[in-house]
Amino acid sequence: MSTILVFGASGVIGEFLLPRLVARGERVLAVSRTAAARAHAAEKVEWLRGDLCAAMPALPQADIVLSLGPL
């Protein structure tokens, strides 16, 4: 099991990807500016609230980092 840190997790791609990562048995740490808008796999995803241009929480160690936010 890998720990995967996902930035932009509340967006369209995150909505598609997060349940699939959880189904594979991955530990998913989701970062978004707002709270999780949808309940997709919410009980299995650890949500962190943060903004790359403002305040960010201390981030735990991750094996993989995915950035799904707009460029």
PDB file of N, CA and C in Angstrom:
ATOM      1  N   MET A   1       0.842  -1.179   0.000  1.00  0.00           N
ATOM      2  CA  MET A   1       0.000   0.000   0.000  1.00  0.00           C
ATOM      3  C   MET A   1       0.885   1.238   0.000  1.00  0.00           C
ATOM      4  N   SER A   2       0.625   2.129  -0.933  1.00  0.00           N
ATOM      5  CA  SER A   2       1.346   3.393  -1.015  1.00  0.00           C
ATOM      6  C   SER A   2       0.511   4.500  -0.395  1.00  0.00           C
ATOM      7  N   THR A   3       1.186   5.534   0.077  1.00  0.00           N
ATOM      8  CA  THR A   3       0.501   6.746   0.513  1.00  0.00           C
ATOM      9  C   THR A   3       0.589   7.732  -0.635  1.00  0.00           C
ATOM     10  N   ILE A   4      -0.579   8.183  -1.118  1.00  0.00           N
ATOM     11  CA  ILE A   4      -0.640   9.065  -2.268  1.00  0.00           C
ATOM     12  C   ILE A   4      -1.229  10.400  -1.839  1.00  0.00           C
ATOM     13  N   LEU A   5      -0.482  11.469  -2.056  1.00  0.00           N
ATOM     14  CA  LEU A   5      -0.908  12.825  -1.738  1.00  0.00           C
ATOM     15  C   LEU A   5      -1.431  13.448  -3.022  1.00  0.00           C
ATOM     16  N   VAL A   6      -2.704  13.888  -3.004  1.00  0.00           N
ATOM     17  CA  VAL A   6      -3.356  14.398  -4.208  1.00  0.00           C
ATOM     18  C   VAL A   6      -3.732  15.862  -4.010  1.00  0.00           C
ATOM     19  N   PHE A   7      -3.101  16.757  -4.786  1.00  0.00           N
ATOM     20  CA  PHE A   7      -3.479  18.170  -4.787  1.00  0.00           C
ATOM     21  C   PHE A   7      -4.583  18.374  -5.808  1.00  0.00           C
ATOM     22  N   GLY A   8      -5.550  19.257  -5.514  1.00  0.00           N
ATOM     23  CA  GLY A   8      -6.666  19.473  -6.430  1.00  0.00           C
ATOM     24  C   GLY A   8      -7.638  18.311  -6.425  1.00  0.00           C
ATOM     25  N   ALA A   9      -7.770  17.657  -5.297  1.00  0.00           N
ATOM     26  CA  ALA A   9      -8.545  16.421  -5.209  1.00  0.00           C
ATOM     27  C   ALA A   9     -10.053  16.614  -5.329  1.00  0.00           C
ATOM     28  N   SER A  10     -10.556  17.827  -5.129  1.00  0.00           N
ATOM     29  CA  SER A  10     -12.004  18.027  -5.178  1.00  0.00           C
ATOM     30  C   SER A  10     -12.504  18.353  -6.577  1.00  0.00           C
ATOM     31  N   GLY A  11     -11.630  18.377  -7.554  1.00  0.00           N
ATOM     32  CA  GLY A  11     -12.024  18.692  -8.925  1.00  0.00           C
ATOM     33  C   GLY A  11     -12.558  17.490  -9.683  1.00  0.00           C
ATOM     34  N   VAL A  12     -12.814  17.710 -10.957  1.00  0.00           N
ATOM     35  CA  VAL A  12     -13.409  16.678 -11.813  1.00  0.00           C
ATOM     36  C   VAL A  12     -12.533  15.436 -11.905  1.00  0.00           C
ATOM     37  N   ILE A  13     -11.236  15.619 -12.083  1.00  0.00           N
ATOM     38  CA  ILE A  13     -10.338  14.459 -12.196  1.00  0.00           C
ATOM     39  C   ILE A  13     -10.241  13.740 -10.853  1.00  0.00           C
ATOM     40  N   GLY A  14     -10.159  14.494  -9.766  1.00  0.00           N
ATOM     41  CA  GLY A  14     -10.121  13.892  -8.444  1.00  0.00           C
ATOM     42  C   GLY A  14     -11.356  13.059  -8.152  1.00  0.00           C
ATOM     43  N   GLU A  15     -12.509  13.563  -8.569  1.00  0.00           N
ATOM     44  CA  GLU A  15     -13.764  12.830  -8.364  1.00  0.00           C
ATOM     45  C   GLU A  15     -13.708  11.464  -9.045  1.00  0.00           C
ATOM     46  N   PHE A  16     -13.058  11.399 -10.180  1.00  0.00           N
ATOM     47  CA  PHE A  16     -12.913  10.150 -10.925  1.00  0.00           C
ATOM     48  C   PHE A  16     -11.819   9.262 -10.320  1.00  0.00           C
ATOM     49  N   LEU A  17     -10.693   9.871  -9.944  1.00  0.00           N
ATOM     50  CA  LEU A  17      -9.504   9.120  -9.547  1.00  0.00           C
ATOM     51  C   LEU A  17      -9.539   8.597  -8.110  1.00  0.00           C
ATOM     52  N   LEU A  18      -9.984   9.404  -7.160  1.00  0.00           N
ATOM     53  CA  LEU A  18      -9.910   9.019  -5.753  1.00  0.00           C
ATOM     54  C   LEU A  18     -10.582   7.682  -5.439  1.00  0.00           C
ATOM     55  N   PRO A  19     -11.807   7.433  -5.916  1.00  0.00           N
ATOM     56  CA  PRO A  19     -12.417   6.126  -5.606  1.00  0.00           C
ATOM     57  C   PRO A  19     -11.614   4.957  -6.163  1.00  0.00           C
ATOM     58  N   ARG A  20     -10.965   5.162  -7.285  1.00  0.00           N
ATOM     59  CA  ARG A  20     -10.169   4.083  -7.880  1.00  0.00           C
ATOM     60  C   ARG A  20      -8.910   3.814  -7.073  1.00  0.00           C
ATOM     61  N   LEU A  21      -8.298   4.855  -6.550  1.00  0.00           N
ATOM     62  CA  LEU A  21      -7.121   4.667  -5.694  1.00  0.00           C
ATOM     63  C   LEU A  21      -7.502   3.940  -4.416  1.00  0.00           C
ATOM     64  N   VAL A  22      -8.632   4.332  -3.825  1.00  0.00           N
ATOM     65  CA  VAL A  22      -9.111   3.682  -2.605  1.00  0.00           C
ATOM     66  C   VAL A  22      -9.418   2.212  -2.886  1.00  0.00           C
ATOM     67  N   ALA A  23     -10.043   1.928  -4.015  1.00  0.00           N
ATOM     68  CA  ALA A  23     -10.386   0.542  -4.373  1.00  0.00           C
ATOM     69  C   ALA A  23      -9.144  -0.324  -4.528  1.00  0.00           C
ATOM     70  N   ARG A  24      -8.019   0.300  -4.921  1.00  0.00           N
ATOM     71  CA  ARG A  24      -6.751  -0.445  -5.041  1.00  0.00           C
ATOM     72  C   ARG A  24      -6.086  -0.673  -3.691  1.00  0.00           C
ATOM     73  N   GLY A  25      -6.650  -0.064  -2.636  1.00  0.00           N
ATOM     74  CA  GLY A  25      -6.086  -0.240  -1.311  1.00  0.00           C
ATOM     75  C   GLY A  25      -5.046   0.794  -0.932  1.00  0.00           C
ATOM     76  N   GLU A  26      -4.961   1.876  -1.703  1.00  0.00           N
ATOM     77  CA  GLU A  26      -3.981   2.925  -1.416  1.00  0.00           C
ATOM     78  C   GLU A  26      -4.463   3.806  -0.269  1.00  0.00           C
ATOM     79  N   ARG A  27      -3.547   4.378   0.470  1.00  0.00           N
ATOM     80  CA  ARG A  27      -3.872   5.400   1.469  1.00  0.00           C
ATOM     81  C   ARG A  27      -3.870   6.724   0.707  1.00  0.00           C
ATOM     82  N   VAL A  28      -5.005   7.414   0.704  1.00  0.00           N
ATOM     83  CA  VAL A  28      -5.145   8.633  -0.087  1.00  0.00           C
ATOM     84  C   VAL A  28      -5.277   9.837   0.839  1.00  0.00           C
ATOM     85  N   LEU A  29      -4.373  10.805   0.663  1.00  0.00           N
ATOM     86  CA  LEU A  29      -4.421  12.082   1.360  1.00  0.00           C
ATOM     87  C   LEU A  29      -4.793  13.125   0.326  1.00  0.00           C
ATOM     88  N   ALA A  30      -5.978  13.704   0.450  1.00  0.00           N
ATOM     89  CA  ALA A  30      -6.494  14.637  -0.539  1.00  0.00           C
ATOM     90  C   ALA A  30      -6.362  16.064  -0.027  1.00  0.00           C
ATOM     91  N   VAL A  31      -5.803  16.944  -0.850  1.00  0.00           N
ATOM     92  CA  VAL A  31      -5.653  18.354  -0.490  1.00  0.00           C
ATOM     93  C   VAL A  31      -6.508  19.180  -1.436  1.00  0.00           C
ATOM     94  N   SER A  32      -7.329  20.063  -0.850  1.00  0.00           N
ATOM     95  CA  SER A  32      -8.122  20.980  -1.662  1.00  0.00           C
ATOM     96  C   SER A  32      -8.363  22.261  -0.867  1.00  0.00           C
ATOM     97  N   ARG A  33      -8.704  23.340  -1.589  1.00  0.00           N
ATOM     98  CA  ARG A  33      -8.960  24.631  -0.928  1.00  0.00           C
ATOM     99  C   ARG A  33     -10.243  24.601  -0.134  1.00  0.00           C
ATOM    100  N   THR A  34     -11.199  23.822  -0.586  1.00  0.00           N
ATOM    101  CA  THR A  34     -12.480  23.723   0.098  1.00  0.00           C
ATOM    102  C   THR A  34     -12.664  22.301   0.596  1.00  0.00           C
ATOM    103  N   ALA A  35     -13.594  22.141   1.500  1.00  0.00           N
ATOM    104  CA  ALA A  35     -13.882  20.798   2.009  1.00  0.00           C
ATOM    105  C   ALA A  35     -14.382  19.922   0.869  1.00  0.00           C
ATOM    106  N   ALA A  36     -14.313  18.645   1.066  1.00  0.00           N
ATOM    107  CA  ALA A  36     -14.745  17.709   0.026  1.00  0.00           C
ATOM    108  C   ALA A  36     -16.177  18.002  -0.373  1.00  0.00           C
ATOM    109  N   ALA A  37     -16.391  18.340  -1.635  1.00  0.00           N
ATOM    110  CA  ALA A  37     -17.717  18.698  -2.121  1.00  0.00           C
ATOM    111  C   ALA A  37     -18.581  17.465  -2.338  1.00  0.00           C
ATOM    112  N   ARG A  38     -17.961  16.356  -2.558  1.00  0.00           N
ATOM    113  CA  ARG A  38     -18.699  15.125  -2.842  1.00  0.00           C
ATOM    114  C   ARG A  38     -18.307  14.053  -1.832  1.00  0.00           C
ATOM    115  N   ALA A  39     -19.170  13.087  -1.695  1.00  0.00           N
ATOM    116  CA  ALA A  39     -18.930  12.044  -0.692  1.00  0.00           C
ATOM    117  C   ALA A  39     -18.204  10.840  -1.269  1.00  0.00           C
ATOM    118  N   HIS A  40     -17.606  10.950  -2.470  1.00  0.00           N
ATOM    119  CA  HIS A  40     -16.949   9.797  -3.083  1.00  0.00           C
ATOM    120  C   HIS A  40     -15.840   9.263  -2.189  1.00  0.00           C
ATOM    121  N   ALA A  41     -16.062   8.065  -1.731  1.00  0.00           N
ATOM    122  CA  ALA A  41     -15.067   7.371  -0.899  1.00  0.00           C
ATOM    123  C   ALA A  41     -14.604   8.221   0.275  1.00  0.00           C
ATOM    124  N   ALA A  42     -15.463   9.132   0.741  1.00  0.00           N
ATOM    125  CA  ALA A  42     -15.064  10.097   1.774  1.00  0.00           C
ATOM    126  C   ALA A  42     -14.561   9.421   3.053  1.00  0.00           C
ATOM    127  N   GLU A  43     -15.161   8.297   3.405  1.00  0.00           N
ATOM    128  CA  GLU A  43     -14.740   7.634   4.644  1.00  0.00           C
ATOM    129  C   GLU A  43     -13.366   7.002   4.513  1.00  0.00           C
ATOM    130  N   LYS A  44     -12.882   6.826   3.297  1.00  0.00           N
ATOM    131  CA  LYS A  44     -11.579   6.201   3.073  1.00  0.00           C
ATOM    132  C   LYS A  44     -10.488   7.201   2.679  1.00  0.00           C
ATOM    133  N   VAL A  45     -10.878   8.442   2.444  1.00  0.00           N
ATOM    134  CA  VAL A  45      -9.927   9.474   2.018  1.00  0.00           C
ATOM    135  C   VAL A  45      -9.686  10.427   3.174  1.00  0.00           C
ATOM    136  N   GLU A  46      -8.429  10.739   3.429  1.00  0.00           N
ATOM    137  CA  GLU A  46      -8.081  11.722   4.464  1.00  0.00           C
ATOM    138  C   GLU A  46      -7.979  13.087   3.787  1.00  0.00           C
ATOM    139  N   TRP A  47      -8.900  13.995   4.136  1.00  0.00           N
ATOM    140  CA  TRP A  47      -8.945  15.316   3.498  1.00  0.00           C
ATOM    141  C   TRP A  47      -8.151  16.330   4.296  1.00  0.00           C
ATOM    142  N   LEU A  48      -7.317  17.080   3.598  1.00  0.00           N
ATOM    143  CA  LEU A  48      -6.543  18.170   4.178  1.00  0.00           C
ATOM    144  C   LEU A  48      -6.944  19.446   3.447  1.00  0.00           C
ATOM    145  N   ARG A  49      -7.165  20.491   4.193  1.00  0.00           N
ATOM    146  CA  ARG A  49      -7.567  21.756   3.578  1.00  0.00           C
ATOM    147  C   ARG A  49      -6.344  22.651   3.467  1.00  0.00           C
ATOM    148  N   GLY A  50      -6.068  23.103   2.241  1.00  0.00           N
ATOM    149  CA  GLY A  50      -4.908  23.951   2.037  1.00  0.00           C
ATOM    150  C   GLY A  50      -4.971  24.661   0.704  1.00  0.00           C
ATOM    151  N   ASP A  51      -4.167  25.698   0.580  1.00  0.00           N
ATOM    152  CA  ASP A  51      -4.104  26.500  -0.636  1.00  0.00           C
ATOM    153  C   ASP A  51      -2.628  26.742  -0.931  1.00  0.00           C
ATOM    154  N   LEU A  52      -2.175  26.350  -2.099  1.00  0.00           N
ATOM    155  CA  LEU A  52      -0.758  26.500  -2.434  1.00  0.00           C
ATOM    156  C   LEU A  52      -0.303  27.955  -2.453  1.00  0.00           C
ATOM    157  N   CYS A  53      -1.238  28.877  -2.622  1.00  0.00           N
ATOM    158  CA  CYS A  53      -0.902  30.309  -2.637  1.00  0.00           C
ATOM    159  C   CYS A  53      -1.117  30.955  -1.278  1.00  0.00           C
ATOM    160  N   ALA A  54      -1.562  30.210  -0.308  1.00  0.00           N
ATOM    161  CA  ALA A  54      -1.832  30.762   1.022  1.00  0.00           C
ATOM    162  C   ALA A  54      -1.368  29.769   2.083  1.00  0.00           C
ATOM    163  N   ALA A  55      -2.262  29.428   3.000  1.00  0.00           N
ATOM    164  CA  ALA A  55      -1.912  28.553   4.118  1.00  0.00           C
ATOM    165  C   ALA A  55      -1.981  27.082   3.726  1.00  0.00           C
ATOM    166  N   MET A  56      -0.934  26.364   4.071  1.00  0.00           N
ATOM    167  CA  MET A  56      -0.896  24.926   3.848  1.00  0.00           C
ATOM    168  C   MET A  56      -0.675  24.222   5.179  1.00  0.00           C
ATOM    169  N   PRO A  57      -1.368  23.112   5.399  1.00  0.00           N
ATOM    170  CA  PRO A  57      -1.107  22.340   6.610  1.00  0.00           C
ATOM    171  C   PRO A  57       0.236  21.619   6.481  1.00  0.00           C
ATOM    172  N   ALA A  58       0.743  21.156   7.596  1.00  0.00           N
ATOM    173  CA  ALA A  58       1.934  20.309   7.549  1.00  0.00           C
ATOM    174  C   ALA A  58       1.525  19.030   6.824  1.00  0.00           C
ATOM    175  N   LEU A  59       2.299  18.666   5.836  1.00  0.00           N
ATOM    176  CA  LEU A  59       1.938  17.503   5.022  1.00  0.00           C
ATOM    177  C   LEU A  59       2.706  16.264   5.480  1.00  0.00           C
ATOM    178  N   PRO A  60       1.999  15.155   5.613  1.00  0.00           N
ATOM    179  CA  PRO A  60       2.673  13.916   5.991  1.00  0.00           C
ATOM    180  C   PRO A  60       3.519  13.388   4.841  1.00  0.00           C
ATOM    181  N   GLN A  61       4.395  12.480   5.148  1.00  0.00           N
ATOM    182  CA  GLN A  61       5.230  11.835   4.140  1.00  0.00           C
ATOM    183  C   GLN A  61       4.345  11.058   3.174  1.00  0.00           C
ATOM    184  N   ALA A  62       4.674  11.142   1.886  1.00  0.00           N
ATOM    185  CA  ALA A  62       3.911  10.419   0.859  1.00  0.00           C
ATOM    186  C   ALA A  62       4.881   9.731  -0.088  1.00  0.00           C
ATOM    187  N   ASP A  63       4.447   8.606  -0.634  1.00  0.00           N
ATOM    188  CA  ASP A  63       5.239   7.879  -1.613  1.00  0.00           C
ATOM    189  C   ASP A  63       5.067   8.476  -3.013  1.00  0.00           C
ATOM    190  N   ILE A  64       3.870   8.991  -3.266  1.00  0.00           N
ATOM    191  CA  ILE A  64       3.530   9.533  -4.589  1.00  0.00           C
ATOM    192  C   ILE A  64       2.789  10.843  -4.385  1.00  0.00           C
ATOM    193  N   VAL A  65       3.087  11.859  -5.212  1.00  0.00           N
ATOM    194  CA  VAL A  65       2.376  13.116  -5.172  1.00  0.00           C
ATOM    195  C   VAL A  65       1.766  13.357  -6.559  1.00  0.00           C
ATOM    196  N   LEU A  66       0.458  13.631  -6.576  1.00  0.00           N
ATOM    197  CA  LEU A  66      -0.249  13.927  -7.820  1.00  0.00           C
ATOM    198  C   LEU A  66      -0.790  15.349  -7.731  1.00  0.00           C
ATOM    199  N   SER A  67      -0.619  16.131  -8.784  1.00  0.00           N
ATOM    200  CA  SER A  67      -1.152  17.482  -8.836  1.00  0.00           C
ATOM    201  C   SER A  67      -2.216  17.530  -9.930  1.00  0.00           C
ATOM    202  N   LEU A  68      -3.478  17.702  -9.518  1.00  0.00           N
ATOM    203  CA  LEU A  68      -4.598  17.685 -10.450  1.00  0.00           C
ATOM    204  C   LEU A  68      -5.195  19.063 -10.652  1.00  0.00           C
ATOM    205  N   GLY A  69      -4.623  20.068 -10.008  1.00  0.00           N
ATOM    206  CA  GLY A  69      -5.170  21.415 -10.115  1.00  0.00           C
ATOM    207  C   GLY A  69      -4.826  22.047 -11.457  1.00  0.00           C
ATOM    208  N   PRO A  70      -5.522  23.150 -11.771  1.00  0.00           N
ATOM    209  CA  PRO A  70      -5.235  23.843 -13.032  1.00  0.00           C
ATOM    210  C   PRO A  70      -3.850  24.462 -13.014  1.00  0.00           C
ATOM    211  N   LEU A  71      -3.266  24.577 -14.164  1.00  0.00           N
ATOM    212  CA  LEU A  71      -1.934  25.174 -14.278  1.00  0.00           C
ATOM    213  C   LEU A  71      -2.040  26.662 -14.509  1.00  0.00           C
TER     214      LEU A  71
END
